[in-house]
Amino acid sequence: KDLQSSQEDVDLMKNGLLDDGWMEDSSLPRGWLVRSTEKETRKGQTSAVKQFTTADFQYCKTVRLAMKHLSLHNSDQEISRFISAQFLKSEVTPSNISWLKSDAIPYPWKAATTTSDGGVKGQLLVSPEGNVHTNLKAAIETIEKSGDMKATDIEKLYSFMGEEKYKEEIAHNNWIKDETLPE
């Protein structure tokens, strides 16, 4: 929410966060900050946890919550940079994530095709909750279990993603359309 703060107050707050260990990161949208902290697991071990704050200082305590915010408020290019760095470990550069547009993708879900630096093709689905799925079958199973999507919509999405994968494979293997062959 807009607090009607002066730019001087905003800068003071941001500098305070930077002093507290928050950092800027090129994979984040302009004005966002990230910090890594240690969290104790149930088994008594520690694991690194990333936390984020948006340009207007909304706190996202997990990567998933940051992804949820991004998918609702940011551009495909900013989302690609974030997914590349945070989920795909930079094995797929942001420019090799192609966002798909279709009525078969229910809003606010997002779908894309990917190509790794090694040429491996893939797909990803981003859920409204900010979960990034790189396995279509597992994503569909998660959707079915949640009950959040009608069976007909799940089938449309699955068919669409299957067609996109098929088109990608044909293009990748240098197939060409021959007009003399039947449809």
Protein backbone atom coordinates (compact mmCIF):
# COMPACT_ATOMS: atom_id res chain seq x y z
CA LYS A 1 0.00 0.00 0.00
CA ASP A 2 1.14 3.50 -0.71
CA LEU A 3 2.27 5.15 2.51
CA GLN A 4 2.72 8.58 0.89
CA SER A 5 6.39 8.50 1.96
CA SER A 6 8.90 11.01 0.63
CA GLN A 7 11.73 9.77 -1.59
CA GLU A 8 14.11 10.63 1.25
CA ASP A 9 12.20 8.29 3.61
CA VAL A 10 12.12 5.53 0.99
CA ASP A 11 15.88 5.84 0.45
CA LEU A 12 16.45 5.78 4.21
CA MET A 13 14.39 2.58 4.53
CA LYS A 14 16.18 0.93 1.61
CA ASN A 15 19.60 1.85 3.03
CA GLY A 16 18.50 0.35 6.36
CA LEU A 17 17.64 -2.91 4.60
CA LEU A 18 20.99 -2.89 2.78
CA ASP A 19 22.73 -2.38 6.15
CA ASP A 20 20.78 -5.39 7.47
CA GLY A 21 22.17 -7.71 4.79
CA TRP A 22 19.60 -7.27 2.01
CA MET A 23 21.14 -7.03 -1.48
CA GLU A 24 20.23 -6.01 -4.99
CA ASP A 25 20.38 -8.80 -7.56
CA SER A 26 20.38 -8.56 -11.37
CA SER A 27 17.83 -11.40 -11.60
CA LEU A 28 15.29 -9.29 -9.71
CA PRO A 29 13.10 -6.46 -10.97
CA ARG A 30 14.36 -2.94 -10.35
CA GLY A 31 14.03 -1.93 -6.70
CA TRP A 32 13.67 -5.49 -5.36
CA LEU A 33 16.05 -6.81 -2.71
CA VAL A 34 17.01 -10.33 -1.58
CA ARG A 35 18.65 -11.79 1.50
CA SER A 36 19.73 -15.29 2.34
CA THR A 37 19.20 -16.62 5.83
CA GLU A 38 19.72 -19.95 7.53
CA LYS A 39 16.68 -21.90 8.68
CA GLU A 40 16.74 -24.92 10.93
CA THR A 41 14.98 -27.97 9.49
CA ARG A 42 12.96 -30.50 11.49
CA LYS A 43 15.96 -32.82 11.49
CA GLY A 44 18.14 -30.22 13.20
CA GLN A 45 20.07 -29.30 10.07
CA THR A 46 20.20 -25.86 8.51
CA SER A 47 19.26 -24.85 4.99
CA ALA A 48 19.57 -21.58 3.11
CA VAL A 49 16.34 -19.64 2.62
CA LYS A 50 15.95 -16.65 0.32
CA GLN A 51 13.65 -13.80 1.25
CA PHE A 52 12.63 -10.92 -0.98
CA THR A 53 11.19 -7.44 -0.75
CA THR A 54 9.50 -5.75 -3.70
CA ALA A 55 10.18 -2.22 -4.92
CA ASP A 56 7.30 -1.01 -2.74
CA PHE A 57 8.62 -2.99 0.26
CA GLN A 58 6.18 -5.90 0.20
CA TYR A 59 7.87 -8.77 2.04
CA CYS A 60 8.00 -12.20 0.34
CA LYS A 61 9.38 -14.73 2.82
CA THR A 62 9.95 -17.48 0.24
CA VAL A 63 10.96 -17.86 -3.41
CA ARG A 64 7.48 -19.21 -4.11
CA LEU A 65 5.77 -16.11 -2.67
CA ALA A 66 8.11 -13.87 -4.67
CA MET A 67 7.20 -15.87 -7.81
CA LYS A 68 3.49 -15.48 -7.01
CA HIS A 69 3.92 -11.69 -6.75
CA LEU A 70 5.97 -11.52 -9.94
CA SER A 71 3.50 -13.56 -11.98
CA LEU A 72 0.68 -11.18 -11.03
CA HIS A 73 2.51 -7.85 -11.25
CA ASN A 74 5.57 -8.07 -13.49
CA SER A 75 6.49 -8.50 -17.16
CA ASP A 76 7.29 -11.82 -18.83
CA GLN A 77 10.90 -10.64 -19.20
CA GLU A 78 11.24 -9.99 -15.44
CA ILE A 79 9.59 -13.33 -14.67
CA SER A 80 12.00 -15.09 -17.07
CA ARG A 81 15.05 -13.55 -15.35
CA PHE A 82 13.75 -14.64 -11.94
CA ILE A 83 12.87 -18.19 -13.01
CA SER A 84 16.20 -18.62 -14.79
CA ALA A 85 18.18 -17.64 -11.69
CA GLN A 86 16.00 -19.01 -8.89
CA PHE A 87 14.47 -22.20 -10.34
CA LEU A 88 16.48 -23.27 -13.38
CA LYS A 89 19.88 -22.43 -11.85
CA SER A 90 20.76 -20.41 -14.97
CA GLU A 91 20.85 -23.57 -17.14
CA VAL A 92 18.21 -21.81 -19.25
CA THR A 93 18.89 -18.16 -20.01
CA PRO A 94 15.94 -15.76 -19.77
CA SER A 95 15.98 -15.24 -23.55
CA ASN A 96 15.42 -19.01 -23.99
CA ILE A 97 12.11 -18.95 -22.10
CA SER A 98 9.22 -18.40 -24.53
CA TRP A 99 5.90 -17.56 -22.89
CA LEU A 100 2.87 -19.17 -24.48
CA LYS A 101 -0.44 -17.37 -24.97
CA SER A 102 -3.61 -19.40 -25.36
CA ASP A 103 -7.15 -19.68 -24.06
CA ALA A 104 -6.13 -23.20 -23.00
CA ILE A 105 -3.93 -21.69 -20.26
CA PRO A 106 -6.30 -20.63 -17.46
CA TYR A 107 -5.58 -17.24 -15.91
CA PRO A 108 -3.49 -16.62 -13.81
CA TRP A 109 -1.48 -19.71 -14.76
CA LYS A 110 1.54 -19.11 -17.02
CA ALA A 111 3.12 -21.57 -19.44
CA ALA A 112 6.37 -21.47 -21.40
CA THR A 113 8.73 -23.52 -23.48
CA THR A 114 12.42 -23.54 -22.57
CA THR A 115 15.69 -24.39 -24.26
CA SER A 116 18.77 -25.06 -22.11
CA ASP A 117 22.23 -23.89 -23.10
CA GLY A 118 22.86 -27.50 -24.17
CA GLY A 119 19.85 -27.43 -26.53
CA VAL A 120 17.54 -29.51 -24.33
CA LYS A 121 13.89 -28.52 -24.80
CA GLY A 122 11.50 -28.28 -21.90
CA GLN A 123 8.28 -26.79 -20.65
CA LEU A 124 7.26 -25.03 -17.49
CA LEU A 125 4.03 -24.09 -15.80
CA VAL A 126 3.70 -21.42 -13.11
CA SER A 127 0.73 -21.84 -10.76
CA PRO A 128 -1.22 -18.97 -9.20
CA GLU A 129 0.47 -19.87 -5.89
CA GLY A 130 3.93 -19.30 -7.40
CA ASN A 131 4.93 -22.94 -7.85
CA VAL A 132 7.13 -23.49 -10.90
CA HIS A 133 6.65 -26.91 -12.49
CA THR A 134 9.18 -28.19 -15.04
CA ASN A 135 7.46 -31.55 -15.38
CA LEU A 136 4.07 -31.39 -17.13
CA LYS A 137 2.86 -34.74 -15.80
CA ALA A 138 3.65 -33.79 -12.19
CA ALA A 139 2.04 -30.38 -12.69
CA ILE A 140 -1.17 -31.94 -14.01
CA GLU A 141 -1.24 -34.40 -11.08
CA THR A 142 -0.86 -31.48 -8.65
CA ILE A 143 -3.68 -29.61 -10.39
CA GLU A 144 -5.95 -32.66 -10.27
CA LYS A 145 -5.28 -33.20 -6.55
CA SER A 146 -5.96 -29.53 -5.73
CA GLY A 147 -9.43 -29.61 -7.30
CA ASP A 148 -8.92 -25.97 -8.35
CA MET A 149 -9.47 -26.61 -12.05
CA LYS A 150 -12.31 -28.27 -13.92
CA ALA A 151 -11.45 -31.56 -15.65
CA THR A 152 -12.25 -30.04 -19.06
CA ASP A 153 -9.80 -27.18 -18.41
CA ILE A 154 -7.10 -29.63 -17.29
CA GLU A 155 -7.59 -31.61 -20.51
CA LYS A 156 -7.41 -28.44 -22.65
CA LEU A 157 -4.20 -27.36 -20.91
CA TYR A 158 -2.63 -30.83 -21.20
CA SER A 159 -3.54 -31.10 -24.90
CA PHE A 160 -2.23 -27.61 -25.64
CA MET A 161 1.09 -28.25 -23.87
CA GLY A 162 1.42 -31.59 -25.69
CA GLU A 163 0.86 -29.88 -29.05
CA GLU A 164 3.46 -27.22 -28.19
CA LYS A 165 6.01 -29.91 -27.30
CA TYR A 166 5.27 -31.73 -30.56
CA LYS A 167 5.65 -28.52 -32.62
CA GLU A 168 8.92 -27.76 -30.82
CA GLU A 169 10.32 -31.25 -31.54
CA ILE A 170 9.42 -31.03 -35.23
CA ALA A 171 11.04 -27.60 -35.56
CA HIS A 172 14.10 -28.71 -33.59
CA ASN A 173 14.67 -31.76 -35.77
CA ASN A 174 14.49 -29.70 -38.99
CA TRP A 175 11.26 -31.21 -40.24
CA ILE A 176 9.65 -29.26 -43.05
CA LYS A 177 6.07 -29.21 -44.23
CA ASP A 178 5.55 -30.97 -47.54
CA GLU A 179 2.44 -29.72 -49.34
CA THR A 180 2.19 -32.95 -51.38
CA LEU A 181 1.47 -35.00 -48.24
CA PRO A 182 -2.01 -35.32 -46.70
CA GLU A 183 -2.79 -33.47 -43.44
